[in-house]
Amino acid sequence: MENKRKSWRFQDQTLVVKVLFEVGLVALLLFGTNMMMYWQVNRAMQSLDTVYASNVDLADLADTLDSVQTNVYNYLTVKTSDSLEGYYRSEEKYRRLLEKLNGQVMENPTKLLEKNIRSMSETYLDQTAETVAAKRGRNVEKYKDSYTDTLKLYQYLNSYIYDLNGQQFKNNSSSYQALQSAIRYLEVVSSVILIVMMGVCILLLYFMIRGVAAPLTRLAVTANLVGQGNFSVQMPPTDAMDEVGVVTRAFNTMVSSLEEYMALTKESMEKEQQMMERELLMENHLKEAQLKYLQSQINPHFLFNSLNAGAQLAMMEGAEKTCIFVERMAEFFRYNVKKGSEDATLAEEVETVENYIYILNVRFAGDIHFTKEVDESVLDAKIPSMILQPIVENAVNHGIRNIDWEGTIHLLVKQEGDRIRISVRDNGKGISEERIAQILNGELQKQESEGDSTGVGMYNVIRRLEFYYQQEDLMEIYSEGENKGTEIVILIPCRTE
């Protein structure tokens, strides 16, 4: 029994138990002290905040009164709907503020002055309403006389509010001084309590550190020598079973094998670094090759059919339209070739879409009705080349082609916060949820470049956006169902470099 009682004495406990107990005691004392101080300070601050609340309310009342008078004057001189709306808003706010003032007859001079201000304000508001009504009724003589009376009441009210503010300021100043004295007293008491608590904490930490400081100091000196490369030094052997003894024995074992371990670690790190460099290089080459491949695709059917349409146009019409058509074709394919490995601006992408629509309208006798709504402030933003044209092409080929009603395509480009929203919407055949999922997952990529197309399909666009911005889910596709049209939305970061 005696040995069992001895094993549970505080001085026989492990270092962790001692530290936890003493730190917990200190934390509990500090927490209780801080909570008491916080409660006292919070009470004092709440009282302090309410001292000058009445002065703040009167300042707000005076400002609102000025706003009412200003809006009435503006309406009489300019007669705009903005000044009239401003008058009604100011009048409503002024009435709400008046409700805070005393409305009963009392012997207190301050309350009596509040009652006078409230009564005169009601008269003033009725007078302003009469002035505005006369102005709206174009009764010049009446609204001039009414405004004169309104101005006099306004001046009286300003004078009364100023007097009331001064009286309340004097009353609040005495309360403020009393609260200041209480806060200064609270500061002195809090400082004394903190000093006492700091002394207690220092004593607790001193008694704890004294027992473990000496062996830890020796351990630190020895570790410093080992850190300088001297692996022949060790701590004196010990049979102590406390934490310091365990650390000492482990330290001696570590020093004996440290040199061998460092050599092995260095060799392993060098090999791992080489493997990471090779892996990163291969990944970069793979991404670059994929991007180059995706950018280089173009279907010759589209080029041949378009040039044939240009030849037919030359036969049927004069040289001027043929020249415009060929120039548009040249600009379109020149942009495709030039920008194949470069970034583009939104302005260049929009111009390419316009050229593409023009080419199709020549080929199909103007059947495509195209509109655009572009925010010019984002036209300098950088994006991958050949992004918008494939989306518009998809809307033409799979949306409005071969429909029984007039097909339209609308392009929207605008800024939303730090991103740019690009939307291509058509009123065509619509698309099912299943096919939307297939497009976004890349399951239809083999069918996109077939037939009369530039060959840069939706999968191509999605993949290049992901490579370029290093993030996914940049594109969304919306459709309400069959024959209800489709909208493709891209949200990209706003970049000018």
Protein backbone atom coordinates (compact mmCIF):
# COMPACT_ATOMS: atom_id res chain seq x y z
CA MET A 1 0.00 0.00 0.00
CA GLU A 2 2.86 2.36 0.85
CA ASN A 3 4.56 1.76 -2.53
CA LYS A 4 1.26 2.32 -4.34
CA ARG A 5 0.69 5.64 -2.57
CA LYS A 6 4.25 6.72 -3.37
CA SER A 7 3.87 5.95 -7.09
CA TRP A 8 1.04 8.46 -7.33
CA ARG A 9 2.84 11.39 -5.78
CA PHE A 10 3.06 14.48 -7.99
CA GLN A 11 6.87 14.59 -8.07
CA ASP A 12 6.95 10.99 -9.30
CA GLN A 13 4.75 11.62 -12.33
CA THR A 14 6.03 11.88 -15.89
CA LEU A 15 7.09 15.18 -17.40
CA VAL A 16 3.97 15.26 -19.59
CA VAL A 17 1.68 14.93 -16.57
CA LYS A 18 3.55 17.66 -14.71
CA VAL A 19 3.48 20.02 -17.68
CA LEU A 20 -0.20 19.37 -18.37
CA PHE A 21 -1.16 19.92 -14.74
CA GLU A 22 0.84 23.12 -14.29
CA VAL A 23 -0.06 24.58 -17.68
CA GLY A 24 -3.69 23.69 -17.11
CA LEU A 25 -3.64 25.40 -13.72
CA VAL A 26 -2.04 28.51 -15.23
CA ALA A 27 -4.49 28.49 -18.14
CA LEU A 28 -7.44 28.13 -15.76
CA LEU A 29 -6.25 31.05 -13.63
CA LEU A 30 -5.61 33.23 -16.66
CA PHE A 31 -8.94 32.30 -18.18
CA GLY A 32 -10.83 33.16 -15.02
CA THR A 33 -8.97 36.44 -14.70
CA ASN A 34 -9.56 37.37 -18.32
CA MET A 35 -13.24 36.50 -18.13
CA MET A 36 -13.67 38.68 -15.07
CA MET A 37 -11.81 41.57 -16.71
CA TYR A 38 -13.73 41.09 -19.97
CA TRP A 39 -17.04 41.19 -18.14
CA GLN A 40 -16.14 44.39 -16.34
CA VAL A 41 -14.75 46.09 -19.46
CA ASN A 42 -17.73 45.00 -21.53
CA ARG A 43 -20.14 46.51 -19.02
CA ALA A 44 -18.19 49.76 -18.98
CA MET A 45 -17.99 49.92 -22.79
CA GLN A 46 -21.70 49.25 -23.18
CA SER A 47 -22.44 52.11 -20.83
CA LEU A 48 -19.95 54.31 -22.66
CA ASP A 49 -21.49 53.52 -26.04
CA THR A 50 -24.90 54.72 -24.89
CA VAL A 51 -23.66 58.04 -23.44
CA TYR A 52 -23.68 60.05 -26.63
CA ALA A 53 -26.33 58.02 -28.45
CA SER A 54 -28.82 60.87 -28.07
CA ASN A 55 -26.35 63.31 -29.66
CA VAL A 56 -25.85 60.92 -32.57
CA ASP A 57 -29.63 60.67 -33.02
CA LEU A 58 -29.95 64.46 -33.04
CA ALA A 59 -27.15 64.76 -35.60
CA ASP A 60 -28.97 62.25 -37.80
CA LEU A 61 -32.20 64.22 -37.29
CA ALA A 62 -30.49 67.46 -38.36
CA ASP A 63 -28.96 65.82 -41.44
CA THR A 64 -32.32 64.36 -42.46
CA LEU A 65 -33.96 67.76 -41.99
CA ASP A 66 -31.33 69.30 -44.29
CA SER A 67 -32.02 66.54 -46.82
CA VAL A 68 -35.78 67.26 -46.77
CA GLN A 69 -35.20 70.99 -47.26
CA THR A 70 -32.64 70.44 -50.02
CA ASN A 71 -34.87 68.06 -51.96
CA VAL A 72 -37.84 70.48 -51.68
CA TYR A 73 -35.66 73.29 -53.00
CA ASN A 74 -34.32 71.16 -55.83
CA TYR A 75 -37.83 70.12 -56.82
CA LEU A 76 -39.03 73.73 -56.86
CA THR A 77 -36.10 74.89 -58.99
CA VAL A 78 -35.56 71.89 -61.29
CA LYS A 79 -38.71 69.77 -60.84
CA THR A 80 -37.12 66.37 -61.46
CA SER A 81 -38.46 63.00 -60.41
CA ASP A 82 -35.19 62.28 -58.58
CA SER A 83 -35.59 65.30 -56.30
CA LEU A 84 -39.25 64.40 -55.66
CA GLU A 85 -38.36 60.81 -54.77
CA GLY A 86 -35.55 62.11 -52.58
CA TYR A 87 -38.01 64.38 -50.78
CA TYR A 88 -40.41 61.52 -50.05
CA ARG A 89 -37.59 59.28 -48.77
CA SER A 90 -36.16 62.04 -46.55
CA GLU A 91 -39.62 62.93 -45.20
CA GLU A 92 -40.32 59.31 -44.28
CA LYS A 93 -36.96 58.95 -42.52
CA TYR A 94 -37.48 62.29 -40.69
CA ARG A 95 -40.86 61.10 -39.38
CA ARG A 96 -39.28 57.88 -38.10
CA LEU A 97 -36.59 59.85 -36.27
CA LEU A 98 -39.21 62.17 -34.73
CA GLU A 99 -40.84 59.18 -33.03
CA LYS A 100 -37.77 58.90 -30.78
CA LEU A 101 -38.40 62.37 -29.33
CA ASN A 102 -40.62 63.04 -26.35
CA GLY A 103 -44.23 63.82 -27.26
CA GLN A 104 -45.61 64.60 -23.79
CA VAL A 105 -45.61 67.87 -21.84
CA MET A 106 -43.10 67.50 -18.98
CA GLU A 107 -41.34 69.81 -16.54
CA ASN A 108 -37.89 68.68 -17.67
CA PRO A 109 -36.50 71.45 -19.96
CA THR A 110 -34.85 68.92 -22.27
CA LYS A 111 -38.02 66.85 -22.66
CA LEU A 112 -40.07 70.02 -23.16
CA LEU A 113 -37.72 71.13 -25.94
CA GLU A 114 -38.07 67.72 -27.57
CA LYS A 115 -41.84 68.13 -27.45
CA ASN A 116 -41.59 71.57 -29.14
CA ILE A 117 -39.27 70.23 -31.87
CA ARG A 118 -41.63 67.34 -32.55
CA SER A 119 -44.68 69.61 -32.78
CA MET A 120 -42.93 72.16 -34.98
CA SER A 121 -41.60 69.36 -37.20
CA GLU A 122 -45.12 68.12 -37.83
CA THR A 123 -46.08 71.66 -38.91
CA TYR A 124 -42.96 71.89 -41.05
CA LEU A 125 -43.66 68.59 -42.82
CA ASP A 126 -47.24 69.64 -43.51
CA GLN A 127 -45.94 72.92 -44.95
CA THR A 128 -43.42 71.13 -47.21
CA ALA A 129 -46.15 68.79 -48.43
CA GLU A 130 -48.32 71.81 -49.25
CA THR A 131 -45.39 73.45 -51.09
CA VAL A 132 -44.71 70.34 -53.19
CA ALA A 133 -48.40 69.95 -53.95
CA ALA A 134 -48.62 73.60 -55.12
CA LYS A 135 -45.57 73.08 -57.31
CA ARG A 136 -47.07 69.96 -58.85
CA GLY A 137 -50.28 71.92 -59.43
CA ARG A 138 -48.22 74.73 -61.06
CA ASN A 139 -49.62 77.31 -58.64
CA VAL A 140 -46.55 79.58 -58.69
CA GLU A 141 -47.75 82.21 -56.22
CA LYS A 142 -48.93 79.65 -53.70
CA TYR A 143 -45.79 77.50 -53.68
CA LYS A 144 -43.56 80.59 -53.39
CA ASP A 145 -45.46 81.84 -50.32
CA SER A 146 -45.59 78.33 -48.91
CA TYR A 147 -41.85 77.83 -49.44
CA THR A 148 -41.15 81.08 -47.57
CA ASP A 149 -43.05 79.75 -44.56
CA THR A 150 -41.29 76.40 -44.93
CA LEU A 151 -37.86 78.08 -44.89
CA LYS A 152 -38.70 79.99 -41.69
CA LEU A 153 -39.83 76.81 -39.96
CA TYR A 154 -36.67 75.05 -41.18
CA GLN A 155 -34.48 77.76 -39.63
CA TYR A 156 -36.38 77.61 -36.34
CA LEU A 157 -36.10 73.84 -36.24
CA ASN A 158 -32.35 73.97 -36.88
CA SER A 159 -31.98 76.44 -34.02
CA TYR A 160 -34.05 74.29 -31.63
CA ILE A 161 -32.23 71.09 -32.58
CA TYR A 162 -28.91 72.85 -31.99
CA ASP A 163 -30.06 74.00 -28.52
CA LEU A 164 -31.34 70.53 -27.65
CA ASN A 165 -28.07 68.97 -28.82
CA GLY A 166 -26.14 71.35 -26.58
CA GLN A 167 -28.27 70.55 -23.53
CA GLN A 168 -27.95 66.82 -24.07
CA PHE A 169 -24.21 67.16 -24.62
CA LYS A 170 -23.85 68.83 -21.23
CA ASN A 171 -25.90 66.11 -19.56
CA ASN A 172 -23.95 63.35 -21.33
CA SER A 173 -20.57 64.91 -20.48
CA SER A 174 -21.11 64.41 -16.76
CA SER A 175 -22.06 60.77 -17.36
CA TYR A 176 -19.04 60.32 -19.61
CA GLN A 177 -16.68 61.67 -16.93
CA ALA A 178 -18.11 59.28 -14.36
CA LEU A 179 -17.64 56.35 -16.72
CA GLN A 180 -14.09 57.47 -17.48
CA SER A 181 -13.27 57.41 -13.79
CA ALA A 182 -14.73 53.92 -13.49
CA ILE A 183 -12.73 52.71 -16.49
CA ARG A 184 -9.49 54.17 -15.08
CA TYR A 185 -10.16 52.39 -11.80
CA LEU A 186 -10.84 49.19 -13.71
CA GLU A 187 -7.54 49.57 -15.57
CA VAL A 188 -5.62 49.87 -12.29
CA VAL A 189 -7.32 46.83 -10.82
CA SER A 190 -6.80 44.80 -14.01
CA SER A 191 -3.10 45.73 -14.11
CA VAL A 192 -2.61 44.63 -10.50
CA ILE A 193 -4.39 41.33 -11.15
CA LEU A 194 -2.32 40.67 -14.25
CA ILE A 195 0.93 41.41 -12.43
CA VAL A 196 -0.03 39.01 -9.64
CA MET A 197 -0.97 36.31 -12.13
CA MET A 198 2.29 36.78 -14.03
CA GLY A 199 4.22 36.31 -10.80
CA VAL A 200 2.35 33.10 -10.01
CA CYS A 201 2.94 31.77 -13.52
CA ILE A 202 6.65 32.59 -13.38
CA LEU A 203 7.02 30.74 -10.08
CA LEU A 204 5.24 27.67 -11.44
CA LEU A 205 7.37 27.61 -14.56
CA TYR A 206 10.56 28.10 -12.50
CA PHE A 207 9.95 25.07 -10.32
CA MET A 208 9.09 22.96 -13.36
CA ILE A 209 12.08 24.01 -15.45
CA ARG A 210 14.59 23.68 -12.64
CA GLY A 211 14.15 19.91 -12.54
CA VAL A 212 14.72 19.32 -16.25
CA ALA A 213 16.92 22.23 -17.34
CA ALA A 214 20.33 20.73 -16.48
CA PRO A 215 20.12 17.46 -18.51
CA LEU A 216 18.39 19.25 -21.37
CA THR A 217 21.16 21.87 -21.47
CA ARG A 218 23.79 19.14 -21.72
CA LEU A 219 21.76 17.47 -24.44
CA ALA A 220 21.53 20.75 -26.39
CA VAL A 221 25.30 21.30 -26.22
CA THR A 222 26.01 17.77 -27.42
CA ALA A 223 23.44 18.06 -30.22
CA ASN A 224 25.06 21.31 -31.35
CA LEU A 225 28.43 19.54 -31.66
CA VAL A 226 26.79 16.75 -33.66
CA GLY A 227 25.16 19.34 -35.88
CA GLN A 228 28.60 20.76 -36.65
CA GLY A 229 29.68 17.33 -37.93
CA ASN A 230 31.33 15.88 -34.81
CA PHE A 231 29.79 12.39 -34.59
CA SER A 232 32.25 11.13 -31.94
CA VAL A 233 30.60 12.89 -28.99
CA GLN A 234 27.82 11.30 -26.94
CA MET A 235 25.83 12.00 -23.79
CA PRO A 236 26.99 10.38 -20.52
CA PRO A 237 25.28 7.00 -20.02
CA THR A 238 22.24 7.02 -17.74
CA ASP A 239 19.80 4.50 -16.32
CA ALA A 240 17.09 7.07 -15.59
CA MET A 241 13.61 5.99 -16.68
CA ASP A 242 12.09 9.44 -17.15
CA GLU A 243 11.67 11.20 -20.49
CA VAL A 244 15.13 12.80 -20.37
CA GLY A 245 16.77 9.41 -19.81
CA VAL A 246 14.87 7.88 -22.73
CA VAL A 247 15.85 10.80 -24.98
CA THR A 248 19.51 10.52 -23.89
CA ARG A 249 19.76 6.83 -24.78
CA ALA A 250 17.95 7.37 -28.07
CA PHE A 251 20.26 10.28 -28.87
CA ASN A 252 23.39 8.17 -28.32
CA THR A 253 21.97 5.43 -30.56
CA MET A 254 21.10 7.99 -33.22
CA VAL A 255 24.58 9.55 -33.23
CA SER A 256 26.25 6.17 -33.69
CA SER A 257 24.34 5.51 -36.93
CA LEU A 258 23.76 9.06 -38.13
CA GLU A 259 26.62 9.23 -40.60
CA GLU A 260 25.55 6.07 -42.40
CA TYR A 261 21.94 7.22 -42.41
CA MET A 262 22.84 10.60 -43.91
CA ALA A 263 24.75 8.98 -46.74
CA LEU A 264 21.87 6.68 -47.58
CA THR A 265 19.35 9.55 -47.35
CA LYS A 266 21.42 11.74 -49.66
CA GLU A 267 21.69 9.00 -52.27
CA SER A 268 17.95 8.30 -52.07
CA MET A 269 17.05 11.98 -52.41
CA GLU A 270 19.26 12.39 -55.46
CA LYS A 271 17.59 9.44 -57.18
CA GLU A 272 14.12 10.67 -56.26
CA GLN A 273 14.93 14.17 -57.55
CA GLN A 274 16.14 12.75 -60.86
CA MET A 275 12.97 10.67 -61.21
CA MET A 276 10.75 13.67 -60.45
CA GLU A 277 12.59 15.81 -63.00
CA ARG A 278 12.21 13.15 -65.69
CA GLU A 279 8.53 12.66 -64.85
CA LEU A 280 7.85 16.40 -64.95
CA LEU A 281 9.69 16.76 -68.26
CA MET A 282 7.73 13.89 -69.80
CA GLU A 283 4.45 15.34 -68.54
CA ASN A 284 5.23 18.76 -70.01
CA HIS A 285 6.20 17.22 -73.35
CA LEU A 286 3.00 15.17 -73.36
CA LYS A 287 0.78 18.19 -72.63
CA GLU A 288 2.59 20.26 -75.24
CA ALA A 289 2.20 17.51 -77.83
CA GLN A 290 -1.50 17.12 -77.01
CA LEU A 291 -2.06 20.86 -77.30
CA LYS A 292 -0.21 21.07 -80.59
CA TYR A 293 -2.21 18.13 -81.92
CA LEU A 294 -5.54 19.60 -80.87
CA GLN A 295 -4.69 23.00 -82.37
CA SER A 296 -3.52 21.58 -85.67
CA GLN A 297 -6.77 19.81 -86.66
CA ILE A 298 -8.69 21.15 -89.63
CA ASN A 299 -11.02 19.36 -92.02
CA PRO A 300 -10.24 20.01 -95.71
CA HIS A 301 -13.94 19.47 -96.63
CA PHE A 302 -14.81 22.83 -95.10
CA LEU A 303 -12.09 24.64 -97.07
CA PHE A 304 -12.98 22.98 -100.40
CA ASN A 305 -16.73 23.56 -100.04
CA SER A 306 -16.23 27.20 -99.06
CA LEU A 307 -13.92 27.88 -102.01
CA ASN A 308 -16.44 26.22 -104.33
CA ALA A 309 -19.11 28.53 -102.96
CA GLY A 310 -16.82 31.48 -103.69
CA ALA A 311 -16.38 30.31 -107.27
CA GLN A 312 -20.15 29.98 -107.72
CA LEU A 313 -20.64 33.47 -106.30
CA ALA A 314 -18.08 34.86 -108.77
CA MET A 315 -20.04 33.36 -111.62
CA MET A 316 -23.42 34.66 -110.45
CA GLU A 317 -22.47 38.18 -109.23
CA GLY A 318 -19.96 40.95 -109.75
CA ALA A 319 -16.36 40.99 -108.63
CA GLU A 320 -16.98 43.21 -105.56
CA LYS A 321 -18.90 40.63 -103.53
CA THR A 322 -16.52 37.92 -104.64
CA CYS A 323 -13.63 40.04 -103.40
CA ILE A 324 -15.29 40.50 -100.00
CA PHE A 325 -16.00 36.80 -99.77
CA VAL A 326 -12.44 35.79 -100.63
CA GLU A 327 -11.04 38.34 -98.19
CA ARG A 328 -13.22 36.93 -95.40
CA MET A 329 -12.09 33.43 -96.29
CA ALA A 330 -8.47 34.53 -96.31
CA GLU A 331 -8.79 36.25 -92.93
CA PHE A 332 -10.48 33.20 -91.44
CA PHE A 333 -7.84 30.69 -92.56
CA ARG A 334 -4.95 33.09 -91.99
CA TYR A 335 -6.11 33.46 -88.36
CA ASN A 336 -6.47 29.67 -88.04
CA VAL A 337 -2.93 29.06 -89.25
CA LYS A 338 -1.30 32.03 -87.50
CA LYS A 339 -2.91 31.48 -84.12
CA GLY A 340 -2.49 27.72 -84.10
CA SER A 341 0.29 27.97 -81.50
CA GLU A 342 -0.39 31.44 -80.05
CA ASP A 343 -2.79 33.07 -77.66
CA ALA A 344 -5.55 35.25 -79.04
CA THR A 345 -7.63 38.14 -77.77
CA LEU A 346 -11.38 38.09 -77.42
CA ALA A 347 -11.53 40.80 -80.10
CA GLU A 348 -9.78 38.48 -82.59
CA GLU A 349 -12.04 35.58 -81.66
CA VAL A 350 -15.21 37.68 -82.15
CA GLU A 351 -13.93 38.91 -85.52
CA THR A 352 -13.26 35.30 -86.59
CA VAL A 353 -16.84 34.34 -85.65
CA GLU A 354 -18.17 37.23 -87.77
CA ASN A 355 -16.05 36.09 -90.73
CA TYR A 356 -17.28 32.52 -90.28
CA ILE A 357 -20.95 33.60 -90.21
CA TYR A 358 -20.42 35.75 -93.30
CA ILE A 359 -18.91 32.78 -95.17
CA LEU A 360 -21.81 30.52 -94.21
CA ASN A 361 -24.40 33.14 -95.19
CA VAL A 362 -22.80 33.40 -98.62
CA ARG A 363 -22.95 29.64 -98.98
CA PHE A 364 -26.49 29.28 -97.65
CA ALA A 365 -28.09 32.50 -98.97
CA GLY A 366 -28.20 34.36 -95.65
CA ASP A 367 -30.21 31.79 -93.71
CA ILE A 368 -28.21 32.33 -90.48
CA HIS A 369 -29.37 35.31 -88.39
CA PHE A 370 -26.51 36.28 -86.10
CA THR A 371 -26.55 38.90 -83.30
CA LYS A 372 -23.95 39.81 -80.72
CA GLU A 373 -23.74 41.67 -77.43
CA VAL A 374 -20.09 42.30 -76.53
CA ASP A 375 -18.58 44.23 -73.60
CA GLU A 376 -15.73 46.11 -75.25
CA SER A 377 -13.86 46.48 -71.95
CA VAL A 378 -12.91 42.76 -72.01
CA LEU A 379 -11.91 42.48 -75.67
CA ASP A 380 -8.19 42.64 -74.77
CA ALA A 381 -8.46 39.54 -72.57
CA LYS A 382 -6.25 36.61 -73.63
CA ILE A 383 -7.73 33.19 -74.43
CA PRO A 384 -6.65 30.15 -76.48
CA SER A 385 -7.19 30.63 -80.22
CA MET A 386 -10.09 29.03 -82.14
CA ILE A 387 -12.44 28.78 -79.14
CA LEU A 388 -15.56 30.73 -80.13
CA GLN A 389 -15.78 29.68 -83.81
CA PRO A 390 -16.12 25.92 -83.09
CA ILE A 391 -18.91 26.67 -80.59
CA VAL A 392 -20.78 28.79 -83.15
CA GLU A 393 -20.16 26.10 -85.77
CA ASN A 394 -21.68 23.52 -83.42
CA ALA A 395 -24.76 25.75 -82.99
CA VAL A 396 -25.13 26.02 -86.79
CA ASN A 397 -24.59 22.35 -87.68
CA HIS A 398 -26.45 20.73 -84.77
CA GLY A 399 -28.84 23.49 -83.74
CA ILE A 400 -30.42 25.59 -86.49
CA ARG A 401 -29.59 23.69 -89.68
CA ASN A 402 -32.60 21.97 -91.30
CA ILE A 403 -35.19 23.48 -88.95
CA ASP A 404 -38.62 24.68 -90.11
CA TRP A 405 -38.41 28.12 -88.48
CA GLU A 406 -36.01 31.04 -88.68
CA GLY A 407 -32.76 30.12 -87.00
CA THR A 408 -30.92 32.67 -84.83
CA ILE A 409 -27.61 32.64 -83.00
CA HIS A 410 -26.77 35.17 -80.27
CA LEU A 411 -23.23 35.75 -78.93
CA LEU A 412 -22.84 37.37 -75.48
CA VAL A 413 -19.49 38.45 -73.98
CA LYS A 414 -19.48 40.32 -70.66
CA GLN A 415 -17.51 40.58 -67.43
CA GLU A 416 -18.80 39.07 -64.19
CA GLY A 417 -16.54 40.03 -61.27
CA ASP A 418 -13.04 38.68 -61.97
CA ARG A 419 -14.31 36.34 -64.71
CA ILE A 420 -15.60 36.71 -68.26
CA ARG A 421 -18.89 35.08 -69.32
CA ILE A 422 -19.09 33.92 -72.94
CA SER A 423 -22.49 32.62 -74.11
CA VAL A 424 -23.55 31.21 -77.51
CA ARG A 425 -27.33 30.66 -77.65
CA ASP A 426 -29.45 29.33 -80.53
CA ASN A 427 -33.17 28.66 -80.98
CA GLY A 428 -32.69 25.35 -82.74
CA LYS A 429 -33.32 21.70 -82.11
CA GLY A 430 -32.17 21.59 -78.51
CA ILE A 431 -30.26 18.74 -76.94
CA SER A 432 -30.92 16.00 -74.39
CA GLU A 433 -29.27 15.75 -70.98
CA GLU A 434 -27.64 12.48 -72.01
CA ARG A 435 -25.96 14.03 -75.05
CA ILE A 436 -24.83 17.03 -73.01
CA ALA A 437 -23.05 14.64 -70.64
CA GLN A 438 -21.46 12.82 -73.60
CA ILE A 439 -20.14 16.10 -75.05
CA LEU A 440 -18.70 17.31 -71.75
CA ASN A 441 -17.12 13.90 -71.08
CA GLY A 442 -15.54 13.74 -74.56
CA GLU A 443 -17.47 10.66 -75.68
CA LEU A 444 -18.45 12.24 -79.05
CA GLN A 445 -15.01 13.51 -80.07
CA LYS A 446 -14.67 11.08 -82.99
CA GLN A 447 -17.86 12.38 -84.65
CA GLU A 448 -17.15 16.09 -84.27
CA SER A 449 -14.78 16.60 -87.17
CA GLU A 450 -16.72 14.57 -89.74
CA GLY A 451 -18.49 16.19 -92.69
CA ASP A 452 -18.75 19.91 -93.42
CA SER A 453 -16.73 21.28 -90.49
CA THR A 454 -13.51 23.06 -89.62
CA GLY A 455 -12.61 19.99 -87.58
CA VAL A 456 -12.05 21.89 -84.33
CA GLY A 457 -14.80 20.23 -82.31
CA MET A 458 -16.26 20.75 -78.86
CA TYR A 459 -13.94 18.18 -77.29
CA ASN A 460 -11.02 20.09 -78.76
CA VAL A 461 -12.30 23.35 -77.23
CA ILE A 462 -12.89 21.81 -73.79
CA ARG A 463 -9.46 20.17 -73.64
CA ARG A 464 -7.60 23.30 -74.77
CA LEU A 465 -9.43 25.41 -72.16
CA GLU A 466 -8.46 22.93 -69.45
CA PHE A 467 -4.80 22.90 -70.60
CA TYR A 468 -4.68 26.68 -70.87
CA TYR A 469 -6.27 27.59 -67.52
CA GLN A 470 -5.19 24.44 -65.61
CA GLN A 471 -8.71 23.87 -64.25
CA GLU A 472 -11.85 21.95 -65.19
CA ASP A 473 -15.57 22.69 -65.49
CA LEU A 474 -15.09 25.89 -67.50
CA MET A 475 -17.94 25.03 -69.90
CA GLU A 476 -21.62 24.39 -69.24
CA ILE A 477 -24.37 23.41 -71.73
CA TYR A 478 -28.05 24.22 -71.12
CA SER A 479 -31.14 23.11 -73.05
CA GLU A 480 -34.78 22.88 -72.00
CA GLY A 481 -35.51 20.05 -74.41
CA GLU A 482 -36.40 19.28 -78.00
CA ASN A 483 -36.88 22.34 -80.29
CA LYS A 484 -36.20 24.74 -77.39
CA GLY A 485 -32.67 25.78 -78.33
CA THR A 486 -29.30 25.37 -76.66
CA GLU A 487 -26.96 27.67 -74.74
CA ILE A 488 -23.23 27.02 -74.29
CA VAL A 489 -21.60 29.08 -71.50
CA ILE A 490 -17.88 29.50 -70.80
CA LEU A 491 -16.66 31.23 -67.61
CA ILE A 492 -12.94 32.04 -67.79
CA PRO A 493 -10.56 34.14 -65.69
CA CYS A 494 -9.99 37.68 -66.96
CA ARG A 495 -6.38 37.74 -68.23
CA THR A 496 -4.63 40.38 -70.35
CA GLU A 497 -1.26 38.61 -70.36
